[in-house]
Amino acid sequence: MVLLDYKSRLPIYEQLYHGIIRLAALGAMGAGDPLPSVRTLAQELGVNPNTVQKAYQLLERDGVIYSVPGKGSFLADLGDRLARKRLEAAEALKQAVRRAMESAMSSEEIRKTVELVLSGGDGQ
């Protein structure tokens, strides 16, 4: 489901938060799909249930998931929100590339940096 990097400086609950959003953005999960229970996911990932609970609370706070008492947690419909996030991310990436070029980074340095980030080699 979600891959965690135990060496990352990013807390596990934040990695889980972003991982679930990533799964939704990639279409691996759809609106209304159930999420594993806190206990089940904690066991699968080898983390404390409180860590999973914290991620789920943040996801619910942000409207990414919703809970049904006695039934569990489910992915909310994120259609417009994901499209908006993609546009914002594309614009931020363009601005970052422009700043890098203004700082005299070569096209090759920029490409290598992007490839490093995409491969997960940036420590995130």
Protein backbone atom coordinates (compact mmCIF):
# COMPACT_ATOMS: atom_id res chain seq x y z
CA MET A 1 0.00 0.00 0.00
CA VAL A 2 2.29 2.77 1.24
CA LEU A 3 6.08 2.58 1.33
CA LEU A 4 7.79 4.19 4.30
CA ASP A 5 11.36 5.42 4.52
CA TYR A 6 12.44 4.85 8.11
CA LYS A 7 15.65 6.83 7.48
CA SER A 8 13.79 9.93 6.33
CA ARG A 9 13.58 12.98 8.53
CA LEU A 10 9.90 13.21 7.57
CA PRO A 11 7.81 11.69 10.39
CA ILE A 12 6.15 8.36 9.62
CA TYR A 13 2.64 9.78 10.06
CA GLU A 14 3.41 12.46 7.44
CA GLN A 15 4.81 9.86 5.06
CA LEU A 16 1.63 7.84 5.53
CA TYR A 17 -0.50 10.96 4.99
CA HIS A 18 1.27 11.80 1.73
CA GLY A 19 1.33 8.15 0.65
CA ILE A 20 -2.44 7.82 0.86
CA ILE A 21 -2.91 11.05 -1.07
CA ARG A 22 -0.44 9.77 -3.67
CA LEU A 23 -2.39 6.50 -4.02
CA ALA A 24 -5.57 8.48 -4.60
CA ALA A 25 -3.87 10.76 -7.13
CA LEU A 26 -2.50 7.79 -9.05
CA GLY A 27 -5.92 6.16 -9.15
CA ALA A 28 -4.89 3.20 -7.01
CA MET A 29 -7.74 4.14 -4.68
CA GLY A 30 -11.05 5.64 -5.65
CA ALA A 31 -13.75 7.63 -3.91
CA GLY A 32 -15.52 5.48 -1.33
CA ASP A 33 -12.78 2.84 -1.16
CA PRO A 34 -12.22 1.61 2.39
CA LEU A 35 -8.91 2.15 4.11
CA PRO A 36 -7.43 -0.58 6.30
CA SER A 37 -8.25 -0.30 9.98
CA VAL A 38 -5.73 1.53 12.12
CA ARG A 39 -4.64 -1.70 13.78
CA THR A 40 -4.34 -3.63 10.50
CA LEU A 41 -2.31 -0.94 8.75
CA ALA A 42 -0.07 -0.48 11.79
CA GLN A 43 0.67 -4.21 11.80
CA GLU A 44 1.32 -4.27 8.04
CA LEU A 45 3.73 -1.34 8.26
CA GLY A 46 5.30 -2.33 11.57
CA VAL A 47 4.47 0.98 13.24
CA ASN A 48 2.62 2.06 16.34
CA PRO A 49 -1.17 2.30 15.89
CA ASN A 50 -1.02 5.84 17.29
CA THR A 51 1.10 6.81 14.27
CA VAL A 52 -1.53 5.52 11.85
CA GLN A 53 -4.29 7.14 13.90
CA LYS A 54 -2.53 10.51 13.69
CA ALA A 55 -2.22 10.22 9.90
CA TYR A 56 -5.90 9.26 9.60
CA GLN A 57 -6.92 12.21 11.80
CA LEU A 58 -4.99 14.62 9.57
CA LEU A 59 -6.46 13.05 6.44
CA GLU A 60 -9.96 13.39 7.87
CA ARG A 61 -9.31 16.97 8.98
CA ASP A 62 -8.23 17.82 5.42
CA GLY A 63 -11.25 16.10 3.85
CA VAL A 64 -9.22 13.36 2.18
CA ILE A 65 -10.99 10.59 4.06
CA TYR A 66 -14.17 10.30 6.09
CA SER A 67 -15.12 7.95 8.89
CA VAL A 68 -18.34 6.04 9.36
CA PRO A 69 -18.81 4.91 12.97
CA GLY A 70 -18.66 1.13 13.17
CA LYS A 71 -17.68 0.82 9.49
CA GLY A 72 -14.24 2.40 9.18
CA SER A 73 -12.55 5.08 7.11
CA PHE A 74 -13.13 5.70 3.42
CA LEU A 75 -11.51 7.80 0.71
CA ALA A 76 -13.45 10.95 -0.06
CA ASP A 77 -14.14 12.17 -3.60
CA LEU A 78 -11.01 14.20 -4.38
CA GLY A 79 -11.62 14.89 -8.09
CA ASP A 80 -11.48 18.70 -8.15
CA ARG A 81 -9.05 18.89 -5.26
CA LEU A 82 -6.50 16.61 -6.96
CA ALA A 83 -6.77 18.51 -10.24
CA ARG A 84 -6.19 21.78 -8.36
CA LYS A 85 -3.20 20.30 -6.50
CA ARG A 86 -1.68 19.13 -9.80
CA LEU A 87 -2.00 22.61 -11.29
CA GLU A 88 -0.47 24.16 -8.18
CA ALA A 89 2.37 21.62 -8.23
CA ALA A 90 3.06 22.27 -11.92
CA GLU A 91 3.21 26.01 -11.30
CA ALA A 92 5.51 25.58 -8.28
CA LEU A 93 7.78 23.33 -10.35
CA LYS A 94 7.95 25.91 -13.14
CA GLN A 95 8.84 28.62 -10.64
CA ALA A 96 11.51 26.42 -9.06
CA VAL A 97 13.07 25.70 -12.46
CA ARG A 98 13.05 29.42 -13.30
CA ARG A 99 14.76 30.24 -9.98
CA ALA A 100 17.33 27.50 -10.61
CA MET A 101 18.07 28.91 -14.08
CA GLU A 102 18.36 32.43 -12.63
CA SER A 103 20.87 31.01 -10.14
CA ALA A 104 23.04 29.82 -13.04
CA MET A 105 22.20 26.12 -12.70
CA SER A 106 22.68 24.36 -16.01
CA SER A 107 19.88 22.42 -17.67
CA GLU A 108 21.79 19.24 -16.93
CA GLU A 109 22.08 20.09 -13.20
CA ILE A 110 18.35 20.80 -13.07
CA ARG A 111 17.54 17.51 -14.82
CA LYS A 112 19.82 15.56 -12.50
CA THR A 113 18.22 17.17 -9.46
CA VAL A 114 14.72 16.37 -10.71
CA GLU A 115 15.76 12.77 -11.46
CA LEU A 116 17.23 12.48 -7.96
CA VAL A 117 13.96 13.66 -6.42
CA LEU A 118 11.91 11.33 -8.64
CA SER A 119 14.08 8.36 -7.68
CA GLY A 120 13.69 9.16 -3.98
CA GLY A 121 17.40 9.81 -3.59
CA ASP A 122 16.92 13.22 -2.02
CA GLY A 123 16.29 11.85 1.47
CA GLN A 124 12.53 12.57 1.36
